[in-house]
């Protein structure tokens, strides 16, 4: 069962980080497959899942470009900065 976290601090921080670090608007979607987030969201916690897109996801010999990991690291850092520093 998909779950969608309503707009809030975490969702907005993730979207802002995507704009800043990747240069594009993100799209909220539950089409990424099954997720343990479906068990957490009903508690009222904000849940955002994001990661690199790749053709081998969840397959034998799964792999991702190093550049995608670098981008993802910057996005995570940006989210933490927005939530912990900018909103302090």
N, C-alpha and C. Protein backbone atom coordinates (compact mmCIF):
# COMPACT_ATOMS: atom_id res chain seq x y z
N UNK A 1 0.84 -1.17 0.00
CA UNK A 1 0.00 0.00 0.00
C UNK A 1 0.89 1.24 0.00
N UNK A 2 0.79 2.08 -0.99
CA UNK A 2 1.61 3.30 -1.00
C UNK A 2 1.13 4.29 0.04
N UNK A 3 2.05 5.11 0.47
CA UNK A 3 1.67 6.19 1.37
C UNK A 3 2.33 7.46 0.88
N UNK A 4 1.66 8.57 1.08
CA UNK A 4 2.19 9.85 0.63
C UNK A 4 2.17 10.81 1.81
N UNK A 5 3.35 11.27 2.20
CA UNK A 5 3.46 12.22 3.29
C UNK A 5 2.92 13.57 2.82
N UNK A 6 2.04 14.18 3.59
CA UNK A 6 1.55 15.50 3.20
C UNK A 6 2.66 16.54 3.24
N UNK A 7 2.44 17.65 2.59
CA UNK A 7 3.42 18.73 2.60
C UNK A 7 3.79 19.07 4.03
N UNK A 8 5.06 19.32 4.24
CA UNK A 8 5.57 19.64 5.56
C UNK A 8 7.05 19.98 5.46
N UNK A 9 7.69 20.15 6.61
CA UNK A 9 9.11 20.56 6.63
C UNK A 9 10.01 19.63 5.83
N UNK A 10 9.86 18.32 6.03
CA UNK A 10 10.75 17.36 5.37
C UNK A 10 10.54 17.33 3.86
N UNK A 11 9.29 17.30 3.45
CA UNK A 11 8.99 17.28 2.01
C UNK A 11 9.51 18.55 1.36
N UNK A 12 9.25 19.69 1.98
CA UNK A 12 9.71 20.96 1.39
C UNK A 12 11.23 21.06 1.38
N UNK A 13 11.89 20.56 2.42
CA UNK A 13 13.36 20.57 2.45
C UNK A 13 13.92 19.68 1.35
N UNK A 14 13.33 18.53 1.14
CA UNK A 14 13.79 17.62 0.09
C UNK A 14 13.59 18.24 -1.29
N UNK A 15 12.45 18.89 -1.49
CA UNK A 15 12.19 19.53 -2.78
C UNK A 15 13.16 20.68 -3.02
N UNK A 16 13.41 21.49 -1.98
CA UNK A 16 14.35 22.61 -2.11
C UNK A 16 15.76 22.10 -2.39
N UNK A 17 16.16 21.02 -1.73
CA UNK A 17 17.49 20.44 -1.96
C UNK A 17 17.61 19.93 -3.40
N UNK A 18 16.55 19.35 -3.93
CA UNK A 18 16.57 18.90 -5.31
C UNK A 18 16.76 20.06 -6.28
N UNK A 19 16.06 21.15 -6.02
CA UNK A 19 16.21 22.33 -6.87
C UNK A 19 17.63 22.87 -6.79
N UNK A 20 18.14 23.01 -5.57
CA UNK A 20 19.46 23.60 -5.36
C UNK A 20 20.59 22.72 -5.90
N UNK A 21 20.55 21.45 -5.58
CA UNK A 21 21.67 20.56 -5.89
C UNK A 21 21.58 19.91 -7.27
N UNK A 22 20.37 19.71 -7.77
CA UNK A 22 20.21 19.01 -9.04
C UNK A 22 19.68 19.91 -10.15
N UNK A 23 19.12 21.05 -9.75
CA UNK A 23 18.65 22.00 -10.75
C UNK A 23 17.33 21.67 -11.39
N UNK A 24 16.50 20.87 -10.73
CA UNK A 24 15.18 20.61 -11.30
C UNK A 24 14.16 20.40 -10.20
N UNK A 25 12.89 20.54 -10.58
CA UNK A 25 11.79 20.33 -9.64
C UNK A 25 11.54 18.84 -9.49
N UNK A 26 11.35 18.41 -8.26
CA UNK A 26 11.05 17.01 -8.01
C UNK A 26 9.55 16.78 -8.11
N UNK A 27 9.19 15.54 -8.23
CA UNK A 27 7.78 15.15 -8.35
C UNK A 27 7.48 14.19 -7.20
N UNK A 28 6.45 14.47 -6.44
CA UNK A 28 6.04 13.56 -5.38
C UNK A 28 5.32 12.38 -6.01
N UNK A 29 5.76 11.17 -5.64
CA UNK A 29 5.21 9.98 -6.27
C UNK A 29 5.33 8.79 -5.34
N UNK A 30 4.41 7.88 -5.44
CA UNK A 30 4.49 6.62 -4.70
C UNK A 30 4.72 5.45 -5.65
N UNK A 31 5.23 5.72 -6.84
CA UNK A 31 5.37 4.67 -7.85
C UNK A 31 6.71 3.93 -7.79
N UNK A 32 7.51 4.19 -6.76
CA UNK A 32 8.83 3.57 -6.67
C UNK A 32 8.83 2.14 -6.20
N UNK A 33 7.69 1.57 -5.91
CA UNK A 33 7.64 0.19 -5.45
C UNK A 33 7.31 0.12 -3.97
N UNK A 34 7.43 -1.06 -3.41
CA UNK A 34 7.09 -1.25 -2.01
C UNK A 34 8.11 -0.58 -1.10
N UNK A 35 7.67 -0.20 0.07
CA UNK A 35 8.54 0.54 0.97
C UNK A 35 8.13 0.32 2.42
N UNK A 36 9.12 0.27 3.30
CA UNK A 36 8.81 0.19 4.73
C UNK A 36 8.21 1.51 5.23
N UNK A 37 8.33 2.57 4.43
CA UNK A 37 7.72 3.84 4.78
C UNK A 37 6.23 3.72 5.00
N UNK A 38 5.61 2.72 4.38
CA UNK A 38 4.16 2.54 4.54
C UNK A 38 3.80 2.18 5.97
N UNK A 39 4.76 1.66 6.74
CA UNK A 39 4.50 1.34 8.14
C UNK A 39 4.77 2.54 9.05
N UNK A 40 5.62 3.44 8.60
CA UNK A 40 6.02 4.59 9.41
C UNK A 40 5.06 5.76 9.23
N UNK A 41 4.62 6.01 8.00
CA UNK A 41 3.76 7.15 7.70
C UNK A 41 2.49 7.19 8.55
N UNK A 42 1.83 6.07 8.81
CA UNK A 42 0.60 6.13 9.61
C UNK A 42 0.81 6.62 11.05
N UNK A 43 2.06 6.65 11.53
CA UNK A 43 2.33 7.16 12.87
C UNK A 43 2.30 8.68 12.91
N UNK A 44 2.24 9.30 11.74
CA UNK A 44 2.25 10.75 11.66
C UNK A 44 3.62 11.32 11.33
N UNK A 45 4.63 10.46 11.28
CA UNK A 45 5.98 10.90 10.93
C UNK A 45 6.03 11.24 9.45
N UNK A 46 6.84 12.23 9.12
CA UNK A 46 7.05 12.56 7.71
C UNK A 46 8.01 11.53 7.12
N UNK A 47 7.70 11.04 5.95
CA UNK A 47 8.53 10.03 5.29
C UNK A 47 8.84 10.50 3.88
N UNK A 48 10.12 10.54 3.56
CA UNK A 48 10.56 10.85 2.21
C UNK A 48 11.61 9.82 1.83
N UNK A 49 11.44 9.21 0.71
CA UNK A 49 12.44 8.27 0.20
C UNK A 49 12.97 8.82 -1.10
N UNK A 50 14.27 8.87 -1.21
CA UNK A 50 14.86 9.33 -2.45
C UNK A 50 16.19 8.63 -2.64
N UNK A 51 16.55 8.50 -3.87
CA UNK A 51 17.80 7.83 -4.20
C UNK A 51 18.07 7.92 -5.68
N UNK A 52 19.19 7.38 -6.08
CA UNK A 52 19.54 7.44 -7.51
C UNK A 52 18.66 6.53 -8.34
N UNK A 53 18.42 6.95 -9.56
CA UNK A 53 17.69 6.13 -10.51
C UNK A 53 18.72 5.35 -11.32
N UNK A 54 18.48 4.07 -11.48
CA UNK A 54 19.40 3.29 -12.31
C UNK A 54 18.66 2.10 -12.91
N UNK A 55 19.20 1.60 -13.99
CA UNK A 55 18.55 0.52 -14.74
C UNK A 55 18.66 -0.83 -14.05
N UNK A 56 19.55 -0.96 -13.07
CA UNK A 56 19.77 -2.26 -12.44
C UNK A 56 19.23 -2.34 -11.02
N UNK A 57 18.40 -1.38 -10.63
CA UNK A 57 17.92 -1.35 -9.26
C UNK A 57 17.24 -2.66 -8.85
N UNK A 58 17.65 -3.18 -7.71
CA UNK A 58 17.12 -4.42 -7.14
C UNK A 58 17.31 -5.64 -8.04
N UNK A 59 18.32 -5.62 -8.86
CA UNK A 59 18.63 -6.76 -9.73
C UNK A 59 20.00 -7.31 -9.37
N UNK A 60 20.33 -8.47 -9.88
CA UNK A 60 21.65 -9.05 -9.68
C UNK A 60 22.68 -8.07 -10.24
N UNK A 61 23.76 -7.87 -9.51
CA UNK A 61 24.83 -6.96 -9.91
C UNK A 61 24.34 -5.51 -10.01
N UNK A 62 23.50 -5.13 -9.07
CA UNK A 62 22.99 -3.75 -9.04
C UNK A 62 24.17 -2.78 -8.97
N UNK A 63 24.08 -1.70 -9.71
CA UNK A 63 25.16 -0.72 -9.71
C UNK A 63 24.59 0.66 -10.03
N UNK A 64 25.39 1.67 -9.63
CA UNK A 64 24.98 3.05 -9.85
C UNK A 64 26.25 3.85 -10.13
N UNK A 65 26.11 4.90 -10.90
CA UNK A 65 27.25 5.76 -11.24
C UNK A 65 27.75 6.49 -10.00
N UNK A 66 29.04 6.61 -9.88
CA UNK A 66 29.64 7.33 -8.75
C UNK A 66 29.12 8.76 -8.71
N UNK A 67 28.97 9.39 -9.85
CA UNK A 67 28.45 10.75 -9.91
C UNK A 67 27.07 10.85 -9.25
N UNK A 68 26.23 9.83 -9.44
CA UNK A 68 24.90 9.83 -8.83
C UNK A 68 25.00 9.77 -7.31
N UNK A 69 25.97 9.04 -6.79
CA UNK A 69 26.18 8.98 -5.34
C UNK A 69 26.67 10.31 -4.80
N UNK A 70 27.53 10.97 -5.55
CA UNK A 70 28.00 12.30 -5.15
C UNK A 70 26.83 13.29 -5.11
N UNK A 71 25.97 13.24 -6.12
CA UNK A 71 24.80 14.12 -6.16
C UNK A 71 23.88 13.83 -4.97
N UNK A 72 23.65 12.55 -4.71
CA UNK A 72 22.77 12.16 -3.62
C UNK A 72 23.32 12.63 -2.28
N UNK A 73 24.62 12.52 -2.11
CA UNK A 73 25.25 13.00 -0.88
C UNK A 73 25.03 14.49 -0.69
N UNK A 74 25.15 15.25 -1.77
CA UNK A 74 24.91 16.70 -1.68
C UNK A 74 23.45 17.00 -1.35
N UNK A 75 22.54 16.23 -1.91
CA UNK A 75 21.11 16.43 -1.61
C UNK A 75 20.85 16.15 -0.14
N UNK A 76 21.37 15.05 0.39
CA UNK A 76 21.18 14.73 1.81
C UNK A 76 21.75 15.84 2.69
N UNK A 77 22.95 16.31 2.37
CA UNK A 77 23.56 17.39 3.16
C UNK A 77 22.70 18.65 3.10
N UNK A 78 22.19 18.96 1.93
CA UNK A 78 21.35 20.14 1.77
C UNK A 78 20.07 20.02 2.59
N UNK A 79 19.46 18.84 2.61
CA UNK A 79 18.25 18.62 3.41
C UNK A 79 18.56 18.86 4.88
N UNK A 80 19.66 18.29 5.36
CA UNK A 80 20.02 18.47 6.78
C UNK A 80 20.29 19.93 7.11
N UNK A 81 20.96 20.65 6.20
CA UNK A 81 21.24 22.05 6.43
C UNK A 81 19.94 22.85 6.53
N UNK A 82 19.04 22.59 5.61
CA UNK A 82 17.76 23.31 5.62
C UNK A 82 17.01 23.03 6.92
N UNK A 83 16.95 21.79 7.33
CA UNK A 83 16.17 21.43 8.52
C UNK A 83 16.85 21.83 9.83
N UNK A 84 18.17 21.70 9.90
CA UNK A 84 18.87 21.87 11.17
C UNK A 84 19.51 23.24 11.35
N UNK A 85 19.90 23.89 10.25
CA UNK A 85 20.58 25.17 10.36
C UNK A 85 19.67 26.31 9.96
N UNK A 86 19.13 26.22 8.76
CA UNK A 86 18.29 27.31 8.25
C UNK A 86 17.02 27.51 9.07
N UNK A 87 16.49 26.44 9.65
CA UNK A 87 15.25 26.52 10.43
C UNK A 87 15.51 26.64 11.93
N UNK A 88 16.77 26.79 12.33
CA UNK A 88 17.10 26.86 13.78
C UNK A 88 16.70 28.19 14.36
